[in-house]
PDB file of N, CA and C in Angstrom:
ATOM      1  N   UNK A   1       0.828  -1.186   0.000  1.00  0.00           N
ATOM      2  CA  UNK A   1       0.000   0.000   0.000  1.00  0.00           C
ATOM      3  C   UNK A   1       0.871   1.249   0.000  1.00  0.00           C
ATOM      4  N   UNK A   2       2.047   1.150   0.602  1.00  0.00           N
ATOM      5  CA  UNK A   2       2.949   2.294   0.637  1.00  0.00           C
ATOM      6  C   UNK A   2       3.405   2.666  -0.775  1.00  0.00           C
ATOM      7  N   UNK A   3       3.655   1.674  -1.620  1.00  0.00           N
ATOM      8  CA  UNK A   3       4.079   1.955  -2.996  1.00  0.00           C
ATOM      9  C   UNK A   3       2.986   2.670  -3.782  1.00  0.00           C
ATOM     10  N   UNK A   4       1.743   2.253  -3.605  1.00  0.00           N
ATOM     11  CA  UNK A   4       0.652   2.917  -4.331  1.00  0.00           C
ATOM     12  C   UNK A   4       0.496   4.358  -3.863  1.00  0.00           C
ATOM     13  N   UNK A   5       0.591   4.603  -2.550  1.00  0.00           N
ATOM     14  CA  UNK A   5       0.470   5.962  -2.025  1.00  0.00           C
ATOM     15  C   UNK A   5       1.622   6.838  -2.517  1.00  0.00           C
ATOM     16  N   UNK A   6       2.843   6.318  -2.490  1.00  0.00           N
ATOM     17  CA  UNK A   6       4.003   7.089  -2.941  1.00  0.00           C
ATOM     18  C   UNK A   6       3.867   7.463  -4.413  1.00  0.00           C
ATOM     19  N   UNK A   7       3.402   6.537  -5.227  1.00  0.00           N
ATOM     20  CA  UNK A   7       3.223   6.799  -6.657  1.00  0.00           C
ATOM     21  C   UNK A   7       2.150   7.851  -6.892  1.00  0.00           C
ATOM     22  N   UNK A   8       1.000   7.727  -6.236  1.00  0.00           N
ATOM     23  CA  UNK A   8      -0.080   8.702  -6.417  1.00  0.00           C
ATOM     24  C   UNK A   8       0.318  10.082  -5.906  1.00  0.00           C
ATOM     25  N   UNK A   9       1.034  10.123  -4.805  1.00  0.00           N
ATOM     26  CA  UNK A   9       1.496  11.397  -4.258  1.00  0.00           C
ATOM     27  C   UNK A   9       2.469  12.075  -5.229  1.00  0.00           C
ATOM     28  N   UNK A  10       3.361  11.300  -5.820  1.00  0.00           N
ATOM     29  CA  UNK A  10       4.313  11.838  -6.797  1.00  0.00           C
ATOM     30  C   UNK A  10       3.579  12.405  -8.012  1.00  0.00           C
ATOM     31  N   UNK A  11       2.600  11.685  -8.525  1.00  0.00           N
ATOM     32  CA  UNK A  11       1.844  12.154  -9.684  1.00  0.00           C
ATOM     33  C   UNK A  11       1.084  13.438  -9.357  1.00  0.00           C
ATOM     34  N   UNK A  12       0.520  13.512  -8.172  1.00  0.00           N
ATOM     35  CA  UNK A  12      -0.226  14.702  -7.767  1.00  0.00           C
ATOM     36  C   UNK A  12       0.692  15.910  -7.628  1.00  0.00           C
ATOM     37  N   UNK A  13       1.860  15.721  -7.037  1.00  0.00           N
ATOM     38  CA  UNK A  13       2.814  16.822  -6.880  1.00  0.00           C
ATOM     39  C   UNK A  13       3.323  17.311  -8.234  1.00  0.00           C
ATOM     40  N   UNK A  14       3.500  16.397  -9.186  1.00  0.00           N
ATOM     41  CA  UNK A  14       4.043  16.753 -10.495  1.00  0.00           C
ATOM     42  C   UNK A  14       2.987  17.225 -11.491  1.00  0.00           C
ATOM     43  N   UNK A  15       1.713  17.060 -11.180  1.00  0.00           N
ATOM     44  CA  UNK A  15       0.639  17.477 -12.080  1.00  0.00           C
ATOM     45  C   UNK A  15       0.580  19.000 -12.155  1.00  0.00           C
ATOM     46  N   UNK A  16       0.452  19.543 -13.364  1.00  0.00           N
ATOM     47  CA  UNK A  16       0.461  21.005 -13.550  1.00  0.00           C
ATOM     48  C   UNK A  16      -0.713  21.696 -12.874  1.00  0.00           C
ATOM     49  N   UNK A  17      -1.862  21.033 -12.785  1.00  0.00           N
ATOM     50  CA  UNK A  17      -3.029  21.649 -12.160  1.00  0.00           C
ATOM     51  C   UNK A  17      -3.084  21.404 -10.655  1.00  0.00           C
ATOM     52  N   UNK A  18      -2.657  20.256 -10.203  1.00  0.00           N
ATOM     53  CA  UNK A  18      -2.779  19.930  -8.778  1.00  0.00           C
ATOM     54  C   UNK A  18      -1.622  20.474  -7.950  1.00  0.00           C
ATOM     55  N   UNK A  19      -0.413  20.097  -8.289  1.00  0.00           N
ATOM     56  CA  UNK A  19       0.801  20.566  -7.610  1.00  0.00           C
ATOM     57  C   UNK A  19       0.681  20.576  -6.087  1.00  0.00           C
ATOM     58  N   UNK A  20       0.215  19.489  -5.517  1.00  0.00           N
ATOM     59  CA  UNK A  20       0.059  19.482  -4.067  1.00  0.00           C
ATOM     60  C   UNK A  20      -0.139  18.101  -3.482  1.00  0.00           C
ATOM     61  N   UNK A  21      -0.505  18.088  -2.211  1.00  0.00           N
ATOM     62  CA  UNK A  21      -0.707  16.851  -1.461  1.00  0.00           C
ATOM     63  C   UNK A  21      -2.137  16.353  -1.659  1.00  0.00           C
ATOM     64  N   UNK A  22      -2.287  15.154  -2.205  1.00  0.00           N
ATOM     65  CA  UNK A  22      -3.627  14.613  -2.419  1.00  0.00           C
ATOM     66  C   UNK A  22      -4.174  13.959  -1.152  1.00  0.00           C
ATOM     67  N   UNK A  23      -5.413  13.598  -1.208  1.00  0.00           N
ATOM     68  CA  UNK A  23      -6.025  12.775  -0.177  1.00  0.00           C
ATOM     69  C   UNK A  23      -6.430  11.467  -0.830  1.00  0.00           C
ATOM     70  N   UNK A  24      -6.509  10.412  -0.070  1.00  0.00           N
ATOM     71  CA  UNK A  24      -6.891   9.123  -0.644  1.00  0.00           C
ATOM     72  C   UNK A  24      -7.324   8.170   0.460  1.00  0.00           C
ATOM     73  N   UNK A  25      -8.154   7.225   0.078  1.00  0.00           N
ATOM     74  CA  UNK A  25      -8.545   6.132   0.957  1.00  0.00           C
ATOM     75  C   UNK A  25      -8.192   4.835   0.243  1.00  0.00           C
ATOM     76  N   UNK A  26      -7.460   3.969   0.921  1.00  0.00           N
ATOM     77  CA  UNK A  26      -7.022   2.704   0.324  1.00  0.00           C
ATOM     78  C   UNK A  26      -7.565   1.525   1.119  1.00  0.00           C
ATOM     79  N   UNK A  27      -7.833   0.447   0.398  1.00  0.00           N
ATOM     80  CA  UNK A  27      -8.298  -0.790   1.020  1.00  0.00           C
ATOM     81  C   UNK A  27      -7.471  -1.938   0.457  1.00  0.00           C
ATOM     82  N   UNK A  28      -6.930  -2.753   1.332  1.00  0.00           N
ATOM     83  CA  UNK A  28      -6.176  -3.928   0.911  1.00  0.00           C
ATOM     84  C   UNK A  28      -7.106  -5.131   0.895  1.00  0.00           C
ATOM     85  N   UNK A  29      -7.233  -5.747  -0.274  1.00  0.00           N
ATOM     86  CA  UNK A  29      -7.979  -6.999  -0.396  1.00  0.00           C
ATOM     87  C   UNK A  29      -6.959  -8.118  -0.554  1.00  0.00           C
ATOM     88  N   UNK A  30      -7.121  -9.178   0.195  1.00  0.00           N
ATOM     89  CA  UNK A  30      -6.156 -10.276   0.124  1.00  0.00           C
ATOM     90  C   UNK A  30      -6.681 -11.496  -0.626  1.00  0.00           C
ATOM     91  N   UNK A  31      -7.975 -11.527  -0.911  1.00  0.00           N
ATOM     92  CA  UNK A  31      -8.563 -12.666  -1.608  1.00  0.00           C
ATOM     93  C   UNK A  31      -9.544 -12.183  -2.671  1.00  0.00           C
ATOM     94  N   UNK A  32      -9.800 -13.024  -3.654  1.00  0.00           N
ATOM     95  CA  UNK A  32     -10.823 -12.707  -4.646  1.00  0.00           C
ATOM     96  C   UNK A  32     -12.153 -13.326  -4.212  1.00  0.00           C
ATOM     97  N   UNK A  33     -13.138 -13.290  -5.082  1.00  0.00           N
ATOM     98  CA  UNK A  33     -14.472 -13.797  -4.719  1.00  0.00           C
ATOM     99  C   UNK A  33     -14.495 -15.298  -4.441  1.00  0.00           C
ATOM    100  N   UNK A  34     -13.578 -16.019  -5.066  1.00  0.00           N
ATOM    101  CA  UNK A  34     -13.514 -17.470  -4.843  1.00  0.00           C
ATOM    102  C   UNK A  34     -12.637 -17.829  -3.653  1.00  0.00           C
ATOM    103  N   UNK A  35     -12.228 -16.834  -2.890  1.00  0.00           N
ATOM    104  CA  UNK A  35     -11.382 -17.006  -1.713  1.00  0.00           C
ATOM    105  C   UNK A  35      -9.975 -17.497  -2.055  1.00  0.00           C
ATOM    106  N   UNK A  36      -9.550 -17.285  -3.312  1.00  0.00           N
ATOM    107  CA  UNK A  36      -8.165 -17.562  -3.686  1.00  0.00           C
ATOM    108  C   UNK A  36      -7.311 -16.396  -3.214  1.00  0.00           C
ATOM    109  N   UNK A  37      -6.084 -16.689  -2.819  1.00  0.00           N
ATOM    110  CA  UNK A  37      -5.171 -15.637  -2.379  1.00  0.00           C
ATOM    111  C   UNK A  37      -4.833 -14.747  -3.574  1.00  0.00           C
ATOM    112  N   UNK A  38      -5.180 -13.487  -3.480  1.00  0.00           N
ATOM    113  CA  UNK A  38      -4.976 -12.539  -4.580  1.00  0.00           C
ATOM    114  C   UNK A  38      -4.873 -11.128  -3.991  1.00  0.00           C
ATOM    115  N   UNK A  39      -3.710 -10.771  -3.427  1.00  0.00           N
ATOM    116  CA  UNK A  39      -3.586  -9.450  -2.789  1.00  0.00           C
ATOM    117  C   UNK A  39      -3.608  -8.323  -3.817  1.00  0.00           C
ATOM    118  N   UNK A  40      -4.412  -7.303  -3.552  1.00  0.00           N
ATOM    119  CA  UNK A  40      -4.488  -6.124  -4.406  1.00  0.00           C
ATOM    120  C   UNK A  40      -5.056  -4.965  -3.594  1.00  0.00           C
ATOM    121  N   UNK A  41      -4.834  -3.755  -4.084  1.00  0.00           N
ATOM    122  CA  UNK A  41      -5.238  -2.539  -3.372  1.00  0.00           C
ATOM    123  C   UNK A  41      -6.236  -1.766  -4.220  1.00  0.00           C
ATOM    124  N   UNK A  42      -7.296  -1.283  -3.589  1.00  0.00           N
ATOM    125  CA  UNK A  42      -8.243  -0.368  -4.222  1.00  0.00           C
ATOM    126  C   UNK A  42      -8.019   1.007  -3.608  1.00  0.00           C
ATOM    127  N   UNK A  43      -7.997   2.047  -4.444  1.00  0.00           N
ATOM    128  CA  UNK A  43      -7.769   3.410  -3.963  1.00  0.00           C
ATOM    129  C   UNK A  43      -8.863   4.317  -4.504  1.00  0.00           C
ATOM    130  N   UNK A  44      -9.440   5.132  -3.624  1.00  0.00           N
ATOM    131  CA  UNK A  44     -10.383   6.182  -4.017  1.00  0.00           C
ATOM    132  C   UNK A  44      -9.681   7.502  -3.739  1.00  0.00           C
ATOM    133  N   UNK A  45      -9.624   8.351  -4.777  1.00  0.00           N
ATOM    134  CA  UNK A  45      -8.869   9.600  -4.658  1.00  0.00           C
ATOM    135  C   UNK A  45      -9.629  10.721  -5.356  1.00  0.00           C
ATOM    136  N   UNK A  46      -9.829  11.856  -4.686  1.00  0.00           N
ATOM    137  CA  UNK A  46     -10.519  12.981  -5.328  1.00  0.00           C
ATOM    138  C   UNK A  46      -9.606  13.674  -6.334  1.00  0.00           C
ATOM    139  N   UNK A  47     -10.199  14.489  -7.183  1.00  0.00           N
ATOM    140  CA  UNK A  47      -9.412  15.227  -8.180  1.00  0.00           C
ATOM    141  C   UNK A  47      -8.957  16.577  -7.634  1.00  0.00           C
ATOM    142  N   UNK A  48      -8.607  16.611  -6.348  1.00  0.00           N
ATOM    143  CA  UNK A  48      -8.144  17.831  -5.689  1.00  0.00           C
ATOM    144  C   UNK A  48      -6.885  17.537  -4.878  1.00  0.00           C
ATOM    145  N   UNK A  49      -6.158  18.612  -4.573  1.00  0.00           N
ATOM    146  CA  UNK A  49      -4.962  18.512  -3.730  1.00  0.00           C
ATOM    147  C   UNK A  49      -4.785  19.838  -3.009  1.00  0.00           C
ATOM    148  N   UNK A  50      -4.049  19.822  -1.924  1.00  0.00           N
ATOM    149  CA  UNK A  50      -3.742  21.044  -1.176  1.00  0.00           C
ATOM    150  C   UNK A  50      -2.302  21.419  -1.493  1.00  0.00           C
ATOM    151  N   UNK A  51      -2.101  22.645  -2.002  1.00  0.00           N
ATOM    152  CA  UNK A  51      -0.754  23.062  -2.383  1.00  0.00           C
ATOM    153  C   UNK A  51       0.039  23.552  -1.174  1.00  0.00           C
ATOM    154  N   UNK A  52       1.261  24.022  -1.411  1.00  0.00           N
ATOM    155  CA  UNK A  52       2.157  24.426  -0.320  1.00  0.00           C
ATOM    156  C   UNK A  52       1.664  25.641   0.449  1.00  0.00           C
ATOM    157  N   UNK A  53       0.697  26.385  -0.114  1.00  0.00           N
ATOM    158  CA  UNK A  53       0.126  27.555   0.555  1.00  0.00           C
ATOM    159  C   UNK A  53      -1.231  27.234   1.190  1.00  0.00           C
ATOM    160  N   UNK A  54      -1.539  25.933   1.334  1.00  0.00           N
ATOM    161  CA  UNK A  54      -2.811  25.442   1.890  1.00  0.00           C
ATOM    162  C   UNK A  54      -4.025  25.880   1.080  1.00  0.00           C
ATOM    163  N   UNK A  55      -3.849  25.993  -0.225  1.00  0.00           N
ATOM    164  CA  UNK A  55      -4.948  26.318  -1.133  1.00  0.00           C
ATOM    165  C   UNK A  55      -5.394  25.028  -1.812  1.00  0.00           C
ATOM    166  N   UNK A  56      -6.708  24.811  -1.833  1.00  0.00           N
ATOM    167  CA  UNK A  56      -7.270  23.629  -2.470  1.00  0.00           C
ATOM    168  C   UNK A  56      -7.258  23.821  -3.982  1.00  0.00           C
ATOM    169  N   UNK A  57      -6.599  22.916  -4.689  1.00  0.00           N
ATOM    170  CA  UNK A  57      -6.501  22.993  -6.146  1.00  0.00           C
ATOM    171  C   UNK A  57      -7.258  21.819  -6.747  1.00  0.00           C
ATOM    172  N   UNK A  58      -8.035  22.095  -7.794  1.00  0.00           N
ATOM    173  CA  UNK A  58      -8.852  21.074  -8.443  1.00  0.00           C
ATOM    174  C   UNK A  58      -8.393  20.877  -9.878  1.00  0.00           C
ATOM    175  N   UNK A  59      -8.337  19.634 -10.296  1.00  0.00           N
ATOM    176  CA  UNK A  59      -7.993  19.321 -11.679  1.00  0.00           C
ATOM    177  C   UNK A  59      -9.268  19.434 -12.499  1.00  0.00           C
ATOM    178  N   UNK A  60      -9.244  20.267 -13.508  1.00  0.00           N
ATOM    179  CA  UNK A  60     -10.462  20.505 -14.288  1.00  0.00           C
ATOM    180  C   UNK A  60     -10.232  20.200 -15.760  1.00  0.00           C
ATOM    181  N   UNK A  61     -11.334  20.076 -16.471  1.00  0.00           N
ATOM    182  CA  UNK A  61     -11.293  19.942 -17.913  1.00  0.00           C
ATOM    183  C   UNK A  61     -11.050  18.549 -18.450  1.00  0.00           C
ATOM    184  N   UNK A  62     -10.877  17.568 -17.580  1.00  0.00           N
ATOM    185  CA  UNK A  62     -10.625  16.213 -18.060  1.00  0.00           C
ATOM    186  C   UNK A  62     -11.648  15.269 -17.454  1.00  0.00           C
ATOM    187  N   UNK A  63     -12.319  14.551 -18.314  1.00  0.00           N
ATOM    188  CA  UNK A  63     -13.286  13.568 -17.834  1.00  0.00           C
ATOM    189  C   UNK A  63     -12.652  12.186 -17.895  1.00  0.00           C
ATOM    190  N   UNK A  64     -13.039  11.342 -16.997  1.00  0.00           N
ATOM    191  CA  UNK A  64     -12.482   9.996 -16.982  1.00  0.00           C
ATOM    192  C   UNK A  64     -11.493   9.821 -15.851  1.00  0.00           C
ATOM    193  N   UNK A  65     -10.304   9.374 -16.177  1.00  0.00           N
ATOM    194  CA  UNK A  65      -9.295   9.056 -15.175  1.00  0.00           C
ATOM    195  C   UNK A  65      -8.514  10.288 -14.757  1.00  0.00           C
ATOM    196  N   UNK A  66      -8.074  10.297 -13.511  1.00  0.00           N
ATOM    197  CA  UNK A  66      -7.290  11.406 -12.974  1.00  0.00           C
ATOM    198  C   UNK A  66      -5.883  11.414 -13.566  1.00  0.00           C
ATOM    199  N   UNK A  67      -5.257  10.246 -13.659  1.00  0.00           N
ATOM    200  CA  UNK A  67      -3.918  10.100 -14.227  1.00  0.00           C
ATOM    201  C   UNK A  67      -3.931   8.960 -15.241  1.00  0.00           C
ATOM    202  N   UNK A  68      -2.946   8.950 -16.111  1.00  0.00           N
ATOM    203  CA  UNK A  68      -2.812   7.898 -17.114  1.00  0.00           C
ATOM    204  C   UNK A  68      -2.493   6.562 -16.439  1.00  0.00           C
ATOM    205  N   UNK A  69      -3.281   5.554 -16.754  1.00  0.00           N
ATOM    206  CA  UNK A  69      -3.073   4.230 -16.165  1.00  0.00           C
ATOM    207  C   UNK A  69      -1.727   3.658 -16.589  1.00  0.00           C
ATOM    208  N   UNK A  70      -1.349   3.869 -17.827  1.00  0.00           N
ATOM    209  CA  UNK A  70      -0.066   3.352 -18.317  1.00  0.00           C
ATOM    210  C   UNK A  70       1.104   3.997 -17.590  1.00  0.00           C
ATOM    211  N   UNK A  71       1.031   5.308 -17.402  1.00  0.00           N
ATOM    212  CA  UNK A  71       2.107   6.018 -16.700  1.00  0.00           C
ATOM    213  C   UNK A  71       2.191   5.569 -15.241  1.00  0.00           C
ATOM    214  N   UNK A  72       1.033   5.427 -14.583  1.00  0.00           N
ATOM    215  CA  UNK A  72       1.019   4.952 -13.192  1.00  0.00           C
ATOM    216  C   UNK A  72       1.625   3.553 -13.082  1.00  0.00           C
ATOM    217  N   UNK A  73       1.230   2.660 -13.979  1.00  0.00           N
ATOM    218  CA  UNK A  73       1.727   1.282 -13.942  1.00  0.00           C
ATOM    219  C   UNK A  73       3.234   1.236 -14.155  1.00  0.00           C
ATOM    220  N   UNK A  74       3.728   2.056 -15.067  1.00  0.00           N
ATOM    221  CA  UNK A  74       5.165   2.072 -15.357  1.00  0.00           C
ATOM    222  C   UNK A  74       5.971   2.482 -14.123  1.00  0.00           C
ATOM    223  N   UNK A  75       5.524   3.526 -13.430  1.00  0.00           N
ATOM    224  CA  UNK A  75       6.225   3.996 -12.238  1.00  0.00           C
ATOM    225  C   UNK A  75       6.034   3.021 -11.075  1.00  0.00           C
ATOM    226  N   UNK A  76       4.809   2.548 -10.886  1.00  0.00           N
ATOM    227  CA  UNK A  76       4.506   1.646  -9.767  1.00  0.00           C
ATOM    228  C   UNK A  76       5.339   0.367  -9.838  1.00  0.00           C
ATOM    229  N   UNK A  77       5.496  -0.175 -11.022  1.00  0.00           N
ATOM    230  CA  UNK A  77       6.214  -1.450 -11.170  1.00  0.00           C
ATOM    231  C   UNK A  77       7.710  -1.320 -10.938  1.00  0.00           C
ATOM    232  N   UNK A  78       8.238  -0.103 -10.969  1.00  0.00           N
ATOM    233  CA  UNK A  78       9.668   0.086 -10.700  1.00  0.00           C
ATOM    234  C   UNK A  78       9.955   0.185  -9.204  1.00  0.00           C
ATOM    235  N   UNK A  79       8.939   0.275  -8.379  1.00  0.00           N
ATOM    236  CA  UNK A  79       9.132   0.438  -6.924  1.00  0.00           C
ATOM    237  C   UNK A  79       9.229  -0.893  -6.214  1.00  0.00           C
TER     238      UNK A  79
END
């Protein structure tokens, strides 16, 4: 879970619109529906962040995903 948080935090800080600390809620699932061992993390994250001046910044103009799934996967897998 630490790797997913570090990756999302990095993307939020580097985003031109957000440039700040995001908020997120994560849940660790260790099994799938058939009770097979399958650890994975679900993350819910708003499209806002708090910048260094404590101003709430919102990412606007993009519908769908907050960040590119391919870019996230590339960085996450290197950790």
